[in-house]
Amino acid sequence: MSVTGNAVTGKVGAASAPVPLIGRKLKINIGRLVLLAAFLGIWEFASGRLVAEFFVSKPSKIFAVLNEWLWSGTLAFHASITATEALTGFILGGFIGMIMGTILGRSQGLAELLEPFIMAFYSLPKVALAPLFVMWLGIGISMKITLTAAIVFFLVFLNTYTGVRSVSKELVTIMHLMGAKERHILLKVVIPSALSWVFAGLKVSVPYALIGAIVGELIASNRGLGYLLSSSAGQFDTAGVFAALAAVIALAALLNLFVKLLEVKMAPWKTVETQQEFTI
């Protein structure tokens, strides 16, 4: 009888476990909205009273510019250009970084051979490569994609390499003793173990992907959010500058959401672990 009672209690506890997690998330989101509203309210009040409006503009004027861009189609057009550059470069750089990180992580000799060359390129500020890419590829979209991919590549590569090298050697040895081939070890042990490192690198790479796209547009472009930013600054339109920055932040949030959904899809056990941490 006691066993049945414990089983029932366990089921009820498992069913009610997500409730505290939902309540906690709701409180956090409400707190964030309160902080944002307070910040915008103080900004609106201080602009023109404590700080010259020319330097900081006003949230009301920024929203007015965003609304104008939204209804005229300007925002959608330029944001789609930047999103295409950032997302394509992010996927390309991330994919190559994962492949190279996995290969070098599984081949210590090759990693030691290429290490000084990789670190030399990694230590180079990637933005400094932009003029070179302009000379090679022109001022079209391919230049921005290449610059973005170059920035993302090293971040994902280093994380993937570290993740692959940190895989338990005992598990790999056991797989070898069981007669597993290299592809089996990769698919069953290495890749699942390194996914946390890979997604950590991808999350860090999101803002850098946008930096690559925006910098490329600032250097040479007549399209994209970087162009909107540069154009507004050239006209001393502070509200326009802040509106363009707000659009960049919104785009970064969407890219982060994309990476998070991808992580949930490819590493569902991470979500379960997070829920268990909150329900213990």
Protein backbone atom coordinates (compact mmCIF):
# COMPACT_ATOMS: atom_id res chain seq x y z
CA MET A 1 0.00 0.00 0.00
CA SER A 2 2.82 2.35 0.84
CA VAL A 3 4.51 1.55 -2.46
CA THR A 4 1.33 2.54 -4.32
CA GLY A 5 1.07 5.70 -2.28
CA ASN A 6 4.66 6.65 -3.07
CA ALA A 7 4.11 5.95 -6.74
CA VAL A 8 1.02 8.13 -6.82
CA THR A 9 2.86 10.85 -4.94
CA GLY A 10 5.74 10.61 -7.39
CA LYS A 11 3.38 10.97 -10.36
CA VAL A 12 1.62 13.95 -8.84
CA GLY A 13 4.97 15.58 -8.07
CA ALA A 14 6.17 14.97 -11.63
CA ALA A 15 2.97 16.41 -13.07
CA SER A 16 3.11 19.50 -10.88
CA ALA A 17 6.88 20.08 -11.35
CA PRO A 18 6.60 22.48 -14.35
CA VAL A 19 4.32 24.85 -12.42
CA PRO A 20 7.08 26.49 -10.32
CA LEU A 21 9.21 26.81 -13.46
CA ILE A 22 6.42 28.60 -15.36
CA GLY A 23 5.75 30.87 -12.38
CA ARG A 24 9.41 31.76 -12.10
CA LYS A 25 9.71 32.57 -15.80
CA LEU A 26 6.58 34.73 -15.59
CA LYS A 27 8.01 36.70 -12.67
CA ILE A 28 11.31 37.20 -14.50
CA ASN A 29 9.55 38.42 -17.66
CA ILE A 30 7.37 40.82 -15.65
CA GLY A 31 10.48 42.13 -13.90
CA ARG A 32 12.19 42.69 -17.24
CA LEU A 33 9.19 44.62 -18.59
CA VAL A 34 9.12 46.79 -15.46
CA LEU A 35 12.84 47.57 -15.80
CA LEU A 36 12.42 48.40 -19.50
CA ALA A 37 9.42 50.65 -18.84
CA ALA A 38 11.27 52.44 -16.04
CA PHE A 39 14.34 52.95 -18.22
CA LEU A 40 12.29 54.36 -21.12
CA GLY A 41 10.31 56.59 -18.76
CA ILE A 42 13.46 58.06 -17.19
CA TRP A 43 14.98 58.52 -20.65
CA GLU A 44 11.88 60.33 -21.93
CA PHE A 45 11.84 62.61 -18.88
CA ALA A 46 15.57 63.37 -18.86
CA SER A 47 15.81 64.13 -22.59
CA GLY A 48 15.63 67.90 -23.08
CA ARG A 49 15.63 68.53 -19.32
CA LEU A 50 18.80 66.98 -17.95
CA VAL A 51 20.52 66.07 -21.23
CA ALA A 52 20.37 67.84 -24.58
CA GLU A 53 17.85 66.09 -26.83
CA PHE A 54 20.26 66.31 -29.77
CA PHE A 55 22.57 63.77 -28.12
CA VAL A 56 20.08 61.20 -26.77
CA SER A 57 16.80 61.92 -28.63
CA LYS A 58 13.58 60.58 -27.03
CA PRO A 59 11.96 57.15 -27.00
CA SER A 60 8.76 58.69 -28.39
CA LYS A 61 10.63 60.10 -31.39
CA ILE A 62 12.55 56.86 -31.90
CA PHE A 63 9.30 54.88 -31.95
CA ALA A 64 7.88 57.44 -34.41
CA VAL A 65 10.84 56.88 -36.77
CA LEU A 66 10.52 53.10 -36.44
CA ASN A 67 6.79 53.34 -37.16
CA GLU A 68 7.46 55.46 -40.25
CA TRP A 69 10.10 53.02 -41.52
CA LEU A 70 7.82 50.10 -40.79
CA TRP A 71 4.82 51.38 -42.73
CA SER A 72 6.89 52.69 -45.64
CA GLY A 73 8.65 49.31 -46.04
CA THR A 74 12.08 50.85 -45.42
CA LEU A 75 12.71 48.81 -42.28
CA ALA A 76 11.66 45.49 -43.82
CA PHE A 77 13.81 46.06 -46.92
CA HIS A 78 17.01 47.02 -45.11
CA ALA A 79 16.53 44.53 -42.26
CA SER A 80 16.06 41.69 -44.76
CA ILE A 81 19.39 42.57 -46.41
CA THR A 82 21.26 42.58 -43.10
CA ALA A 83 19.47 39.42 -41.93
CA THR A 84 20.45 37.60 -45.14
CA GLU A 85 24.10 38.64 -44.78
CA ALA A 86 24.29 37.81 -41.07
CA LEU A 87 22.38 34.51 -41.24
CA THR A 88 24.20 33.22 -44.33
CA GLY A 89 27.60 34.15 -42.92
CA PHE A 90 26.61 32.71 -39.53
CA ILE A 91 25.57 29.36 -41.04
CA LEU A 92 28.57 29.18 -43.37
CA GLY A 93 31.15 30.15 -40.74
CA GLY A 94 29.50 27.99 -38.08
CA PHE A 95 29.34 24.91 -40.33
CA ILE A 96 32.97 25.18 -41.45
CA GLY A 97 34.03 25.90 -37.85
CA MET A 98 32.26 22.78 -36.57
CA ILE A 99 33.76 20.59 -39.31
CA MET A 100 37.31 21.88 -38.81
CA GLY A 101 37.00 21.81 -35.02
CA THR A 102 35.86 18.18 -35.12
CA ILE A 103 38.61 17.11 -37.53
CA LEU A 104 41.43 18.80 -35.60
CA GLY A 105 39.94 17.70 -32.29
CA ARG A 106 40.17 14.07 -33.38
CA SER A 107 43.63 14.50 -34.93
CA GLN A 108 46.08 15.78 -32.33
CA GLY A 109 49.05 15.68 -34.72
CA LEU A 110 47.29 17.81 -37.33
CA ALA A 111 46.13 20.23 -34.62
CA GLU A 112 49.68 20.70 -33.33
CA LEU A 113 50.93 21.24 -36.89
CA LEU A 114 48.36 23.95 -37.69
CA GLU A 115 48.11 25.56 -34.24
CA PRO A 116 50.52 28.51 -34.82
CA PHE A 117 48.84 29.41 -38.12
CA ILE A 118 45.33 29.19 -36.65
CA MET A 119 46.25 31.31 -33.62
CA ALA A 120 47.96 33.86 -35.87
CA PHE A 121 44.75 34.34 -37.88
CA TYR A 122 42.62 34.24 -34.72
CA SER A 123 44.63 37.03 -33.09
CA LEU A 124 44.10 39.24 -36.16
CA PRO A 125 41.17 41.67 -35.77
CA LYS A 126 38.69 40.33 -38.32
CA VAL A 127 37.31 43.80 -39.05
CA ALA A 128 40.76 44.67 -40.40
CA LEU A 129 40.13 42.13 -43.17
CA ALA A 130 37.17 44.12 -44.51
CA PRO A 131 39.22 46.35 -46.87
CA LEU A 132 40.94 43.26 -48.24
CA PHE A 133 37.60 41.55 -48.85
CA VAL A 134 36.38 44.69 -50.64
CA MET A 135 39.38 44.46 -52.97
CA TRP A 136 38.78 40.76 -53.60
CA LEU A 137 34.99 40.58 -53.73
CA GLY A 138 33.80 44.13 -54.35
CA ILE A 139 31.12 45.90 -52.30
CA GLY A 140 28.31 43.43 -52.94
CA ILE A 141 26.60 41.07 -50.52
CA SER A 142 29.30 38.41 -50.95
CA MET A 143 31.83 40.63 -49.17
CA LYS A 144 29.58 41.02 -46.09
CA ILE A 145 28.83 37.29 -46.00
CA THR A 146 32.53 36.41 -46.24
CA LEU A 147 33.46 38.88 -43.48
CA THR A 148 30.70 37.54 -41.23
CA ALA A 149 31.70 33.93 -41.90
CA ALA A 150 35.35 34.69 -41.10
CA ILE A 151 34.37 36.20 -37.75
CA VAL A 152 32.00 33.37 -36.79
CA PHE A 153 34.35 30.61 -37.96
CA PHE A 154 37.02 31.10 -35.30
CA LEU A 155 34.56 31.37 -32.41
CA VAL A 156 32.75 28.16 -33.36
CA PHE A 157 35.97 26.37 -34.35
CA LEU A 158 37.70 26.97 -31.01
CA ASN A 159 34.64 25.95 -29.01
CA THR A 160 34.10 22.82 -31.10
CA TYR A 161 37.78 21.87 -30.86
CA THR A 162 37.73 22.30 -27.08
CA GLY A 163 34.52 20.28 -26.81
CA VAL A 164 35.89 17.41 -28.90
CA ARG A 165 39.16 17.33 -26.95
CA SER A 166 37.26 17.26 -23.64
CA VAL A 167 35.29 14.10 -24.53
CA SER A 168 35.85 11.33 -21.98
CA LYS A 169 38.77 9.18 -23.14
CA GLU A 170 37.31 6.26 -21.18
CA LEU A 171 34.17 6.30 -23.33
CA VAL A 172 36.23 6.43 -26.52
CA THR A 173 38.40 3.54 -25.29
CA ILE A 174 35.31 1.46 -24.45
CA MET A 175 33.90 2.11 -27.92
CA HIS A 176 37.20 0.97 -29.47
CA LEU A 177 37.14 -2.21 -27.37
CA MET A 178 33.61 -2.89 -28.60
CA GLY A 179 34.89 -2.73 -32.17
CA ALA A 180 33.38 0.65 -33.05
CA LYS A 181 34.72 2.49 -36.08
CA GLU A 182 35.62 6.17 -36.12
CA ARG A 183 32.26 7.21 -37.57
CA HIS A 184 30.44 5.34 -34.81
CA ILE A 185 32.56 7.07 -32.15
CA LEU A 186 31.85 10.44 -33.75
CA LEU A 187 28.09 9.93 -33.98
CA LYS A 188 27.55 8.15 -30.65
CA VAL A 189 30.09 9.78 -28.33
CA VAL A 190 32.05 12.75 -29.67
CA ILE A 191 29.33 14.85 -31.29
CA PRO A 192 26.72 14.44 -28.51
CA SER A 193 29.36 15.22 -25.86
CA ALA A 194 30.65 18.29 -27.73
CA LEU A 195 27.23 19.77 -28.58
CA SER A 196 27.16 21.91 -25.43
CA TRP A 197 30.45 23.50 -26.45
CA VAL A 198 29.29 23.94 -30.04
CA PHE A 199 26.09 25.73 -29.07
CA ALA A 200 27.97 27.89 -26.58
CA GLY A 201 30.15 29.02 -29.49
CA LEU A 202 27.12 29.60 -31.71
CA LYS A 203 25.41 31.74 -29.04
CA VAL A 204 28.54 33.85 -28.62
CA SER A 205 28.81 34.18 -32.40
CA VAL A 206 25.35 35.72 -32.93
CA PRO A 207 26.32 39.33 -32.06
CA TYR A 208 29.60 38.94 -33.93
CA ALA A 209 27.71 37.81 -37.04
CA LEU A 210 25.73 41.03 -36.90
CA ILE A 211 28.91 43.01 -36.28
CA GLY A 212 30.41 41.55 -39.45
CA ALA A 213 27.32 42.39 -41.52
CA ILE A 214 26.93 45.90 -40.07
CA VAL A 215 30.64 46.78 -40.39
CA GLY A 216 30.60 45.60 -44.00
CA GLU A 217 27.61 47.83 -44.68
CA LEU A 218 29.22 50.79 -42.94
CA ILE A 219 32.35 50.44 -45.05
CA ALA A 220 30.67 50.13 -48.44
CA SER A 221 26.95 49.73 -49.01
CA ASN A 222 23.75 51.54 -49.91
CA ARG A 223 21.50 48.91 -48.35
CA GLY A 224 21.03 47.29 -44.93
CA LEU A 225 20.70 48.45 -41.34
CA GLY A 226 24.34 49.56 -41.37
CA TYR A 227 23.50 51.90 -44.22
CA LEU A 228 20.47 53.24 -42.32
CA LEU A 229 22.71 53.81 -39.32
CA SER A 230 25.37 55.60 -41.36
CA SER A 231 22.82 57.63 -43.31
CA SER A 232 21.04 58.81 -40.14
CA ALA A 233 24.35 59.73 -38.50
CA GLY A 234 25.38 61.69 -41.60
CA GLN A 235 22.16 63.73 -41.33
CA PHE A 236 22.65 64.24 -37.56
CA ASP A 237 19.38 62.40 -37.04
CA THR A 238 19.84 61.01 -33.52
CA ALA A 239 16.40 59.42 -33.46
CA GLY A 240 17.19 57.63 -36.72
CA VAL A 241 20.49 56.33 -35.31
CA PHE A 242 18.76 54.94 -32.22
CA ALA A 243 15.98 53.48 -34.38
CA ALA A 244 18.55 51.65 -36.52
CA LEU A 245 20.26 50.38 -33.36
CA ALA A 246 16.90 49.16 -32.02
CA ALA A 247 16.34 47.26 -35.28
CA VAL A 248 19.79 45.65 -34.93
CA ILE A 249 18.94 44.58 -31.35
CA ALA A 250 15.64 43.07 -32.53
CA LEU A 251 17.45 41.17 -35.29
CA ALA A 252 20.02 39.88 -32.77
CA ALA A 253 17.18 38.65 -30.55
CA LEU A 254 15.66 36.74 -33.48
CA LEU A 255 19.01 35.12 -34.32
CA ASN A 256 19.48 34.14 -30.67
CA LEU A 257 16.01 32.60 -30.69
CA PHE A 258 16.94 30.66 -33.83
CA VAL A 259 20.04 29.23 -32.12
CA LYS A 260 18.07 28.40 -28.97
CA LEU A 261 15.39 26.54 -30.93
CA LEU A 262 18.10 24.68 -32.83
CA GLU A 263 19.71 23.68 -29.53
CA VAL A 264 16.38 22.38 -28.18
CA LYS A 265 15.91 20.37 -31.38
CA MET A 266 19.41 18.87 -31.48
CA ALA A 267 20.12 18.61 -27.75
CA PRO A 268 16.74 18.03 -26.04
CA TRP A 269 18.43 16.69 -22.91
CA LYS A 270 19.68 20.21 -22.12
CA THR A 271 16.08 21.41 -21.70
CA VAL A 272 15.31 18.46 -19.42
CA GLU A 273 18.40 19.19 -17.31
CA THR A 274 17.37 22.85 -16.95
CA GLN A 275 13.87 21.89 -15.84
CA GLN A 276 15.27 19.42 -13.31
CA GLU A 277 17.50 22.13 -11.84
CA PHE A 278 14.48 24.34 -11.19
CA THR A 279 12.25 21.57 -9.85
CA ILE A 280 14.69 19.99 -7.40
